[in-house]
Amino acid sequence: MQLQIESQENEAVIRLPAAVLEQLGAGIGDMLHVQITSRGLTLSRLPPKPHYTLEELLAQAPGSPEHS
């Protein structure tokens, strides 16, 4: 597969076809890890960061009744 480097504002971009995103298990808005190797680039999907509610964070705080 060949992809062209394009210009968007002041950045260089590569558009990934939907099939490539599907193979990576990634979608719009996901974070990718880029590794530069002697053969080129390697892309891998990063796991999504967990989202916590304030109550969940406070329950984990030292001194909270739930943490004891």
PDB file of N, CA and C in Angstrom:
ATOM      1  N   MET A   1       0.857  -1.175   0.000  1.00  0.00           N
ATOM      2  CA  MET A   1       0.000   0.000   0.000  1.00  0.00           C
ATOM      3  C   MET A   1       0.900   1.234   0.000  1.00  0.00           C
ATOM      4  N   GLN A   2       0.537   2.208  -0.790  1.00  0.00           N
ATOM      5  CA  GLN A   2       1.270   3.465  -0.836  1.00  0.00           C
ATOM      6  C   GLN A   2       0.373   4.588  -0.327  1.00  0.00           C
ATOM      7  N   LEU A   3       0.947   5.445   0.513  1.00  0.00           N
ATOM      8  CA  LEU A   3       0.234   6.606   1.036  1.00  0.00           C
ATOM      9  C   LEU A   3       1.046   7.849   0.716  1.00  0.00           C
ATOM     10  N   GLN A   4       0.365   8.913   0.399  1.00  0.00           N
ATOM     11  CA  GLN A   4       1.038  10.153   0.043  1.00  0.00           C
ATOM     12  C   GLN A   4       1.058  11.094   1.234  1.00  0.00           C
ATOM     13  N   ILE A   5       2.191  11.758   1.449  1.00  0.00           N
ATOM     14  CA  ILE A   5       2.290  12.786   2.479  1.00  0.00           C
ATOM     15  C   ILE A   5       1.687  14.054   1.904  1.00  0.00           C
ATOM     16  N   GLU A   6       0.727  14.612   2.637  1.00  0.00           N
ATOM     17  CA  GLU A   6       0.032  15.822   2.194  1.00  0.00           C
ATOM     18  C   GLU A   6       0.302  16.951   3.170  1.00  0.00           C
ATOM     19  N   SER A   7      -0.057  18.144   2.779  1.00  0.00           N
ATOM     20  CA  SER A   7       0.102  19.312   3.633  1.00  0.00           C
ATOM     21  C   SER A   7      -1.266  19.790   4.098  1.00  0.00           C
ATOM     22  N   GLN A   8      -1.372  20.056   5.396  1.00  0.00           N
ATOM     23  CA  GLN A   8      -2.599  20.620   5.962  1.00  0.00           C
ATOM     24  C   GLN A   8      -2.160  21.697   6.941  1.00  0.00           C
ATOM     25  N   GLU A   9      -2.459  22.937   6.593  1.00  0.00           N
ATOM     26  CA  GLU A   9      -1.986  24.095   7.349  1.00  0.00           C
ATOM     27  C   GLU A   9      -0.470  24.014   7.431  1.00  0.00           C
ATOM     28  N   ASN A  10       0.116  23.936   8.631  1.00  0.00           N
ATOM     29  CA  ASN A  10       1.584  23.892   8.751  1.00  0.00           C
ATOM     30  C   ASN A  10       2.084  22.508   9.136  1.00  0.00           C
ATOM     31  N   GLU A  11       1.310  21.476   8.816  1.00  0.00           N
ATOM     32  CA  GLU A  11       1.689  20.126   9.195  1.00  0.00           C
ATOM     33  C   GLU A  11       1.693  19.200   7.986  1.00  0.00           C
ATOM     34  N   ALA A  12       2.498  18.159   8.084  1.00  0.00           N
ATOM     35  CA  ALA A  12       2.480  17.095   7.080  1.00  0.00           C
ATOM     36  C   ALA A  12       1.563  16.007   7.613  1.00  0.00           C
ATOM     37  N   VAL A  13       0.668  15.500   6.784  1.00  0.00           N
ATOM     38  CA  VAL A  13      -0.297  14.489   7.220  1.00  0.00           C
ATOM     39  C   VAL A  13      -0.292  13.300   6.270  1.00  0.00           C
ATOM     40  N   ILE A  14      -0.614  12.146   6.827  1.00  0.00           N
ATOM     41  CA  ILE A  14      -0.817  10.932   6.050  1.00  0.00           C
ATOM     42  C   ILE A  14      -2.226  10.465   6.367  1.00  0.00           C
ATOM     43  N   ARG A  15      -3.034  10.279   5.369  1.00  0.00           N
ATOM     44  CA  ARG A  15      -4.405   9.791   5.568  1.00  0.00           C
ATOM     45  C   ARG A  15      -4.391   8.270   5.588  1.00  0.00           C
ATOM     46  N   LEU A  16      -4.989   7.724   6.633  1.00  0.00           N
ATOM     47  CA  LEU A  16      -5.055   6.270   6.751  1.00  0.00           C
ATOM     48  C   LEU A  16      -6.420   5.790   6.301  1.00  0.00           C
ATOM     49  N   PRO A  17      -6.470   4.876   5.360  1.00  0.00           N
ATOM     50  CA  PRO A  17      -7.752   4.332   4.913  1.00  0.00           C
ATOM     51  C   PRO A  17      -8.466   3.615   6.063  1.00  0.00           C
ATOM     52  N   ALA A  18      -9.782   3.554   5.970  1.00  0.00           N
ATOM     53  CA  ALA A  18     -10.596   2.903   7.003  1.00  0.00           C
ATOM     54  C   ALA A  18     -10.148   1.462   7.232  1.00  0.00           C
ATOM     55  N   ALA A  19      -9.747   0.772   6.185  1.00  0.00           N
ATOM     56  CA  ALA A  19      -9.302  -0.621   6.323  1.00  0.00           C
ATOM     57  C   ALA A  19      -8.050  -0.723   7.191  1.00  0.00           C
ATOM     58  N   VAL A  20      -7.161   0.244   7.092  1.00  0.00           N
ATOM     59  CA  VAL A  20      -5.944   0.248   7.914  1.00  0.00           C
ATOM     60  C   VAL A  20      -6.321   0.492   9.374  1.00  0.00           C
ATOM     61  N   LEU A  21      -7.201   1.457   9.610  1.00  0.00           N
ATOM     62  CA  LEU A  21      -7.654   1.718  10.971  1.00  0.00           C
ATOM     63  C   LEU A  21      -8.317   0.480  11.567  1.00  0.00           C
ATOM     64  N   GLU A  22      -9.102  -0.204  10.765  1.00  0.00           N
ATOM     65  CA  GLU A  22      -9.777  -1.417  11.238  1.00  0.00           C
ATOM     66  C   GLU A  22      -8.759  -2.490  11.624  1.00  0.00           C
ATOM     67  N   GLN A  23      -7.725  -2.664  10.824  1.00  0.00           N
ATOM     68  CA  GLN A  23      -6.695  -3.655  11.136  1.00  0.00           C
ATOM     69  C   GLN A  23      -5.932  -3.286  12.408  1.00  0.00           C
ATOM     70  N   LEU A  24      -5.755  -1.976  12.648  1.00  0.00           N
ATOM     71  CA  LEU A  24      -5.092  -1.526  13.868  1.00  0.00           C
ATOM     72  C   LEU A  24      -6.022  -1.615  15.081  1.00  0.00           C
ATOM     73  N   GLY A  25      -7.307  -1.761  14.827  1.00  0.00           N
ATOM     74  CA  GLY A  25      -8.272  -1.705  15.915  1.00  0.00           C
ATOM     75  C   GLY A  25      -8.419  -0.290  16.430  1.00  0.00           C
ATOM     76  N   ALA A  26      -8.209   0.684  15.560  1.00  0.00           N
ATOM     77  CA  ALA A  26      -8.226   2.092  15.940  1.00  0.00           C
ATOM     78  C   ALA A  26      -9.338   2.821  15.204  1.00  0.00           C
ATOM     79  N   GLY A  27      -9.651   3.994  15.684  1.00  0.00           N
ATOM     80  CA  GLY A  27     -10.660   4.823  15.054  1.00  0.00           C
ATOM     81  C   GLY A  27     -10.318   6.292  15.220  1.00  0.00           C
ATOM     82  N   ILE A  28     -11.157   7.136  14.689  1.00  0.00           N
ATOM     83  CA  ILE A  28     -10.950   8.573  14.772  1.00  0.00           C
ATOM     84  C   ILE A  28     -10.873   8.981  16.245  1.00  0.00           C
ATOM     85  N   GLY A  29      -9.861   9.745  16.592  1.00  0.00           N
ATOM     86  CA  GLY A  29      -9.691  10.216  17.962  1.00  0.00           C
ATOM     87  C   GLY A  29      -8.812   9.329  18.826  1.00  0.00           C
ATOM     88  N   ASP A  30      -8.530   8.092  18.381  1.00  0.00           N
ATOM     89  CA  ASP A  30      -7.651   7.211  19.154  1.00  0.00           C
ATOM     90  C   ASP A  30      -6.211   7.705  19.055  1.00  0.00           C
ATOM     91  N   MET A  31      -5.409   7.312  20.024  1.00  0.00           N
ATOM     92  CA  MET A  31      -3.995   7.661  20.036  1.00  0.00           C
ATOM     93  C   MET A  31      -3.186   6.503  19.460  1.00  0.00           C
ATOM     94  N   LEU A  32      -2.190   6.831  18.650  1.00  0.00           N
ATOM     95  CA  LEU A  32      -1.298   5.831  18.066  1.00  0.00           C
ATOM     96  C   LEU A  32       0.118   6.071  18.559  1.00  0.00           C
ATOM     97  N   HIS A  33       0.845   4.981  18.746  1.00  0.00           N
ATOM     98  CA  HIS A  33       2.268   5.054  19.065  1.00  0.00           C
ATOM     99  C   HIS A  33       3.022   4.918  17.746  1.00  0.00           C
ATOM    100  N   VAL A  34       3.950   5.828  17.497  1.00  0.00           N
ATOM    101  CA  VAL A  34       4.756   5.792  16.283  1.00  0.00           C
ATOM    102  C   VAL A  34       6.187   5.449  16.683  1.00  0.00           C
ATOM    103  N   GLN A  35       6.711   4.406  16.082  1.00  0.00           N
ATOM    104  CA  GLN A  35       8.087   4.011  16.334  1.00  0.00           C
ATOM    105  C   GLN A  35       8.851   4.098  15.021  1.00  0.00           C
ATOM    106  N   ILE A  36       9.967   4.781  15.049  1.00  0.00           N
ATOM    107  CA  ILE A  36      10.815   4.893  13.864  1.00  0.00           C
ATOM    108  C   ILE A  36      11.836   3.765  13.925  1.00  0.00           C
ATOM    109  N   THR A  37      11.874   2.977  12.868  1.00  0.00           N
ATOM    110  CA  THR A  37      12.809   1.857  12.788  1.00  0.00           C
ATOM    111  C   THR A  37      13.722   2.043  11.583  1.00  0.00           C
ATOM    112  N   SER A  38      14.653   1.152  11.434  1.00  0.00           N
ATOM    113  CA  SER A  38      15.555   1.232  10.272  1.00  0.00           C
ATOM    114  C   SER A  38      14.808   0.985   8.971  1.00  0.00           C
ATOM    115  N   ARG A  39      13.618   0.357   9.065  1.00  0.00           N
ATOM    116  CA  ARG A  39      12.833   0.055   7.869  1.00  0.00           C
ATOM    117  C   ARG A  39      11.724   1.071   7.623  1.00  0.00           C
ATOM    118  N   GLY A  40      11.507   2.002   8.546  1.00  0.00           N
ATOM    119  CA  GLY A  40      10.449   2.991   8.360  1.00  0.00           C
ATOM    120  C   GLY A  40       9.708   3.245   9.656  1.00  0.00           C
ATOM    121  N   LEU A  41       8.399   3.392   9.554  1.00  0.00           N
ATOM    122  CA  LEU A  41       7.550   3.674  10.708  1.00  0.00           C
ATOM    123  C   LEU A  41       6.737   2.448  11.085  1.00  0.00           C
ATOM    124  N   THR A  42       6.513   2.294  12.375  1.00  0.00           N
ATOM    125  CA  THR A  42       5.603   1.287  12.876  1.00  0.00           C
ATOM    126  C   THR A  42       4.531   2.003  13.676  1.00  0.00           C
ATOM    127  N   LEU A  43       3.260   1.727  13.373  1.00  0.00           N
ATOM    128  CA  LEU A  43       2.136   2.317  14.102  1.00  0.00           C
ATOM    129  C   LEU A  43       1.457   1.243  14.931  1.00  0.00           C
ATOM    130  N   SER A  44       1.134   1.584  16.158  1.00  0.00           N
ATOM    131  CA  SER A  44       0.340   0.680  16.989  1.00  0.00           C
ATOM    132  C   SER A  44      -0.625   1.518  17.822  1.00  0.00           C
ATOM    133  N   ARG A  45      -1.790   0.947  18.089  1.00  0.00           N
ATOM    134  CA  ARG A  45      -2.818   1.651  18.844  1.00  0.00           C
ATOM    135  C   ARG A  45      -2.467   1.624  20.319  1.00  0.00           C
ATOM    136  N   LEU A  46      -2.598   2.776  20.969  1.00  0.00           N
ATOM    137  CA  LEU A  46      -2.424   2.852  22.411  1.00  0.00           C
ATOM    138  C   LEU A  46      -3.755   2.542  23.075  1.00  0.00           C
ATOM    139  N   PRO A  47      -3.726   1.878  24.218  1.00  0.00           N
ATOM    140  CA  PRO A  47      -4.995   1.639  24.912  1.00  0.00           C
ATOM    141  C   PRO A  47      -5.581   2.970  25.369  1.00  0.00           C
ATOM    142  N   PRO A  48      -6.894   3.082  25.376  1.00  0.00           N
ATOM    143  CA  PRO A  48      -7.502   4.343  25.802  1.00  0.00           C
ATOM    144  C   PRO A  48      -7.204   4.611  27.269  1.00  0.00           C
ATOM    145  N   LYS A  49      -7.037   5.886  27.607  1.00  0.00           N
ATOM    146  CA  LYS A  49      -6.816   6.267  28.999  1.00  0.00           C
ATOM    147  C   LYS A  49      -8.126   6.114  29.754  1.00  0.00           C
ATOM    148  N   PRO A  50      -8.039   5.589  30.973  1.00  0.00           N
ATOM    149  CA  PRO A  50      -9.277   5.450  31.745  1.00  0.00           C
ATOM    150  C   PRO A  50      -9.818   6.819  32.162  1.00  0.00           C
ATOM    151  N   HIS A  51     -11.112   6.915  32.258  1.00  0.00           N
ATOM    152  CA  HIS A  51     -11.764   8.130  32.711  1.00  0.00           C
ATOM    153  C   HIS A  51     -12.412   7.826  34.051  1.00  0.00           C
ATOM    154  N   TYR A  52     -12.126   8.665  35.023  1.00  0.00           N
ATOM    155  CA  TYR A  52     -12.661   8.473  36.358  1.00  0.00           C
ATOM    156  C   TYR A  52     -13.590   9.616  36.727  1.00  0.00           C
ATOM    157  N   THR A  53     -14.573   9.288  37.531  1.00  0.00           N
ATOM    158  CA  THR A  53     -15.419  10.337  38.091  1.00  0.00           C
ATOM    159  C   THR A  53     -14.718  10.887  39.323  1.00  0.00           C
ATOM    160  N   LEU A  54     -15.146  12.048  39.766  1.00  0.00           N
ATOM    161  CA  LEU A  54     -14.582  12.640  40.966  1.00  0.00           C
ATOM    162  C   LEU A  54     -14.782  11.708  42.160  1.00  0.00           C
ATOM    163  N   GLU A  55     -15.935  11.078  42.237  1.00  0.00           N
ATOM    164  CA  GLU A  55     -16.219  10.168  43.347  1.00  0.00           C
ATOM    165  C   GLU A  55     -15.245   8.989  43.353  1.00  0.00           C
ATOM    166  N   GLU A  56     -14.933   8.458  42.176  1.00  0.00           N
ATOM    167  CA  GLU A  56     -13.990   7.347  42.096  1.00  0.00           C
ATOM    168  C   GLU A  56     -12.599   7.764  42.548  1.00  0.00           C
ATOM    169  N   LEU A  57     -12.178   8.953  42.147  1.00  0.00           N
ATOM    170  CA  LEU A  57     -10.856   9.440  42.547  1.00  0.00           C
ATOM    171  C   LEU A  57     -10.799   9.691  44.048  1.00  0.00           C
ATOM    172  N   LEU A  58     -11.839  10.296  44.599  1.00  0.00           N
ATOM    173  CA  LEU A  58     -11.860  10.578  46.038  1.00  0.00           C
ATOM    174  C   LEU A  58     -11.882   9.280  46.844  1.00  0.00           C
ATOM    175  N   ALA A  59     -12.562   8.256  46.339  1.00  0.00           N
ATOM    176  CA  ALA A  59     -12.619   6.982  47.054  1.00  0.00           C
ATOM    177  C   ALA A  59     -11.235   6.325  47.138  1.00  0.00           C
ATOM    178  N   GLN A  60     -10.336   6.635  46.219  1.00  0.00           N
ATOM    179  CA  GLN A  60      -8.995   6.066  46.213  1.00  0.00           C
ATOM    180  C   GLN A  60      -8.009   6.890  47.030  1.00  0.00           C
ATOM    181  N   ALA A  61      -8.411   8.087  47.437  1.00  0.00           N
ATOM    182  CA  ALA A  61      -7.514   8.988  48.144  1.00  0.00           C
ATOM    183  C   ALA A  61      -7.242   8.479  49.563  1.00  0.00           C
ATOM    184  N   PRO A  62      -5.995   8.580  50.027  1.00  0.00           N
ATOM    185  CA  PRO A  62      -5.703   8.194  51.413  1.00  0.00           C
ATOM    186  C   PRO A  62      -6.547   9.004  52.381  1.00  0.00           C
ATOM    187  N   GLY A  63      -7.056   8.342  53.392  1.00  0.00           N
ATOM    188  CA  GLY A  63      -7.878   9.025  54.394  1.00  0.00           C
ATOM    189  C   GLY A  63      -9.352   8.994  54.093  1.00  0.00           C
ATOM    190  N   SER A  64      -9.732   8.531  52.905  1.00  0.00           N
ATOM    191  CA  SER A  64     -11.154   8.452  52.594  1.00  0.00           C
ATOM    192  C   SER A  64     -11.738   7.200  53.248  1.00  0.00           C
ATOM    193  N   PRO A  65     -13.017   7.221  53.630  1.00  0.00           N
ATOM    194  CA  PRO A  65     -13.611   6.038  54.257  1.00  0.00           C
ATOM    195  C   PRO A  65     -13.527   4.791  53.387  1.00  0.00           C
ATOM    196  N   GLU A  66     -13.663   4.951  52.067  1.00  0.00           N
ATOM    197  CA  GLU A  66     -13.626   3.804  51.167  1.00  0.00           C
ATOM    198  C   GLU A  66     -12.236   3.222  51.043  1.00  0.00           C
ATOM    199  N   HIS A  67     -11.197   4.065  51.237  1.00  0.00           N
ATOM    200  CA  HIS A  67      -9.805   3.636  51.053  1.00  0.00           C
ATOM    201  C   HIS A  67      -9.312   2.824  52.251  1.00  0.00           C
ATOM    202  N   SER A  68      -9.923   2.993  53.413  1.00  0.00           N
ATOM    203  CA  SER A  68      -9.472   2.323  54.646  1.00  0.00           C
ATOM    204  C   SER A  68      -9.731   0.849  54.610  1.00  0.00           C
TER     205      SER A  68
END
